[in-house]
Amino acid sequence: MANIAEGFARRYDRELTQFLFVAKGSAAEVQSHLFVALDRSHLDDETFQATFDLADEVTRQISGLISYLTGRKRPQTAS
């Protein structure tokens, strides 16, 4: 969240995008720490999965914002 806030305070979308990529990396870091916590029995399987899934959702949302800011279009489905 701090990376996104810092990027948002910047003047240009390009700078915000850089901080969003850092935020995606931080989300991956959280997922890595979750595996360690699970391996060390600090979390049960249900808590691990729920938290891992939340981090995954955040990553997808950040990716969507990056795509929006960089003008990339999502592939459209056939109608």
C-alpha atoms as a PDB file:
ATOM      1  CA  MET A   1       0.000   0.000   0.000  1.00  0.00           C
ATOM      2  CA  ALA A   2       2.870   2.378   0.796  1.00  0.00           C
ATOM      3  CA  ASN A   3       4.382   1.867  -2.665  1.00  0.00           C
ATOM      4  CA  ILE A   4       1.078   2.732  -4.321  1.00  0.00           C
ATOM      5  CA  ALA A   5       0.655   5.812  -2.121  1.00  0.00           C
ATOM      6  CA  GLU A   6       4.162   7.011  -2.942  1.00  0.00           C
ATOM      7  CA  GLY A   7       3.617   6.458  -6.643  1.00  0.00           C
ATOM      8  CA  PHE A   8       0.256   8.202  -6.540  1.00  0.00           C
ATOM      9  CA  ALA A   9       1.913  11.278  -5.050  1.00  0.00           C
ATOM     10  CA  ARG A  10       4.229  11.510  -8.051  1.00  0.00           C
ATOM     11  CA  ARG A  11       3.430  13.868 -10.862  1.00  0.00           C
ATOM     12  CA  TYR A  12       3.339  11.482 -13.821  1.00  0.00           C
ATOM     13  CA  ASP A  13       1.608   8.194 -14.635  1.00  0.00           C
ATOM     14  CA  ARG A  14       4.962   6.753 -15.676  1.00  0.00           C
ATOM     15  CA  GLU A  15       6.296   7.199 -12.140  1.00  0.00           C
ATOM     16  CA  LEU A  16       3.114   5.783 -10.635  1.00  0.00           C
ATOM     17  CA  THR A  17       3.487   2.775 -12.933  1.00  0.00           C
ATOM     18  CA  GLN A  18       7.024   2.161 -11.656  1.00  0.00           C
ATOM     19  CA  PHE A  19       5.777   2.136  -8.076  1.00  0.00           C
ATOM     20  CA  LEU A  20       2.913  -0.172  -9.038  1.00  0.00           C
ATOM     21  CA  PHE A  21       5.457  -2.674 -10.344  1.00  0.00           C
ATOM     22  CA  VAL A  22       7.252  -2.437  -7.000  1.00  0.00           C
ATOM     23  CA  ALA A  23       3.910  -3.040  -5.256  1.00  0.00           C
ATOM     24  CA  LYS A  24       3.389  -6.178  -7.376  1.00  0.00           C
ATOM     25  CA  GLY A  25       6.794  -7.368  -6.253  1.00  0.00           C
ATOM     26  CA  SER A  26       5.837  -6.711  -2.654  1.00  0.00           C
ATOM     27  CA  ALA A  27       2.670  -8.783  -3.072  1.00  0.00           C
ATOM     28  CA  ALA A  28       4.798 -11.650  -4.383  1.00  0.00           C
ATOM     29  CA  GLU A  29       7.035 -11.201  -1.338  1.00  0.00           C
ATOM     30  CA  VAL A  30       4.011 -11.521   0.929  1.00  0.00           C
ATOM     31  CA  GLN A  31       3.063 -14.756  -0.824  1.00  0.00           C
ATOM     32  CA  SER A  32       6.584 -16.050  -0.303  1.00  0.00           C
ATOM     33  CA  HIS A  33       6.412 -15.225   3.409  1.00  0.00           C
ATOM     34  CA  LEU A  34       3.084 -17.003   3.602  1.00  0.00           C
ATOM     35  CA  PHE A  35       4.730 -20.204   2.363  1.00  0.00           C
ATOM     36  CA  VAL A  36       7.385 -19.866   5.068  1.00  0.00           C
ATOM     37  CA  ALA A  37       4.721 -19.274   7.721  1.00  0.00           C
ATOM     38  CA  LEU A  38       2.822 -22.346   6.515  1.00  0.00           C
ATOM     39  CA  ASP A  39       5.960 -24.498   6.492  1.00  0.00           C
ATOM     40  CA  ARG A  40       6.712 -23.419  10.059  1.00  0.00           C
ATOM     41  CA  SER A  41       3.131 -24.150  11.158  1.00  0.00           C
ATOM     42  CA  HIS A  42       2.392 -20.514  12.006  1.00  0.00           C
ATOM     43  CA  LEU A  43      -0.680 -20.698   9.731  1.00  0.00           C
ATOM     44  CA  ASP A  44      -3.223 -23.400   9.069  1.00  0.00           C
ATOM     45  CA  ASP A  45      -3.992 -24.382   5.487  1.00  0.00           C
ATOM     46  CA  GLU A  46      -7.266 -22.448   5.381  1.00  0.00           C
ATOM     47  CA  THR A  47      -5.727 -19.188   6.604  1.00  0.00           C
ATOM     48  CA  PHE A  48      -2.788 -19.624   4.247  1.00  0.00           C
ATOM     49  CA  GLN A  49      -5.022 -20.149   1.226  1.00  0.00           C
ATOM     50  CA  ALA A  50      -7.387 -17.303   2.039  1.00  0.00           C
ATOM     51  CA  THR A  51      -4.521 -14.851   2.546  1.00  0.00           C
ATOM     52  CA  PHE A  52      -2.614 -16.120  -0.502  1.00  0.00           C
ATOM     53  CA  ASP A  53      -5.749 -15.654  -2.608  1.00  0.00           C
ATOM     54  CA  LEU A  54      -6.182 -12.089  -1.331  1.00  0.00           C
ATOM     55  CA  ALA A  55      -2.593 -11.259  -2.299  1.00  0.00           C
ATOM     56  CA  ASP A  56      -3.257 -12.801  -5.716  1.00  0.00           C
ATOM     57  CA  GLU A  57      -6.368 -10.633  -6.147  1.00  0.00           C
ATOM     58  CA  VAL A  58      -4.397  -7.517  -5.200  1.00  0.00           C
ATOM     59  CA  THR A  59      -1.773  -8.469  -7.798  1.00  0.00           C
ATOM     60  CA  ARG A  60      -4.463  -8.752 -10.483  1.00  0.00           C
ATOM     61  CA  GLN A  61      -5.918  -5.375  -9.510  1.00  0.00           C
ATOM     62  CA  ILE A  62      -2.505  -3.735  -9.646  1.00  0.00           C
ATOM     63  CA  SER A  63      -1.871  -5.340 -13.041  1.00  0.00           C
ATOM     64  CA  GLY A  64      -5.159  -3.927 -14.294  1.00  0.00           C
ATOM     65  CA  LEU A  65      -4.204  -0.450 -13.161  1.00  0.00           C
ATOM     66  CA  ILE A  66      -0.790  -0.784 -14.822  1.00  0.00           C
ATOM     67  CA  SER A  67      -2.489  -1.839 -18.057  1.00  0.00           C
ATOM     68  CA  TYR A  68      -4.843   1.131 -17.851  1.00  0.00           C
ATOM     69  CA  LEU A  69      -2.015   3.594 -17.222  1.00  0.00           C
ATOM     70  CA  THR A  70       0.168   2.242 -19.999  1.00  0.00           C
ATOM     71  CA  GLY A  71      -2.682   2.112 -22.501  1.00  0.00           C
ATOM     72  CA  ARG A  72      -2.510  -1.628 -23.068  1.00  0.00           C
ATOM     73  CA  LYS A  73      -5.782  -3.124 -24.118  1.00  0.00           C
ATOM     74  CA  ARG A  74      -7.035  -6.388 -22.757  1.00  0.00           C
ATOM     75  CA  PRO A  75      -7.784  -9.050 -25.348  1.00  0.00           C
ATOM     76  CA  GLN A  76     -11.454  -8.984 -26.234  1.00  0.00           C
ATOM     77  CA  THR A  77     -13.529 -12.132 -26.302  1.00  0.00           C
ATOM     78  CA  ALA A  78     -15.318 -13.166 -29.475  1.00  0.00           C
ATOM     79  CA  SER A  79     -18.948 -12.067 -29.526  1.00  0.00           C
END
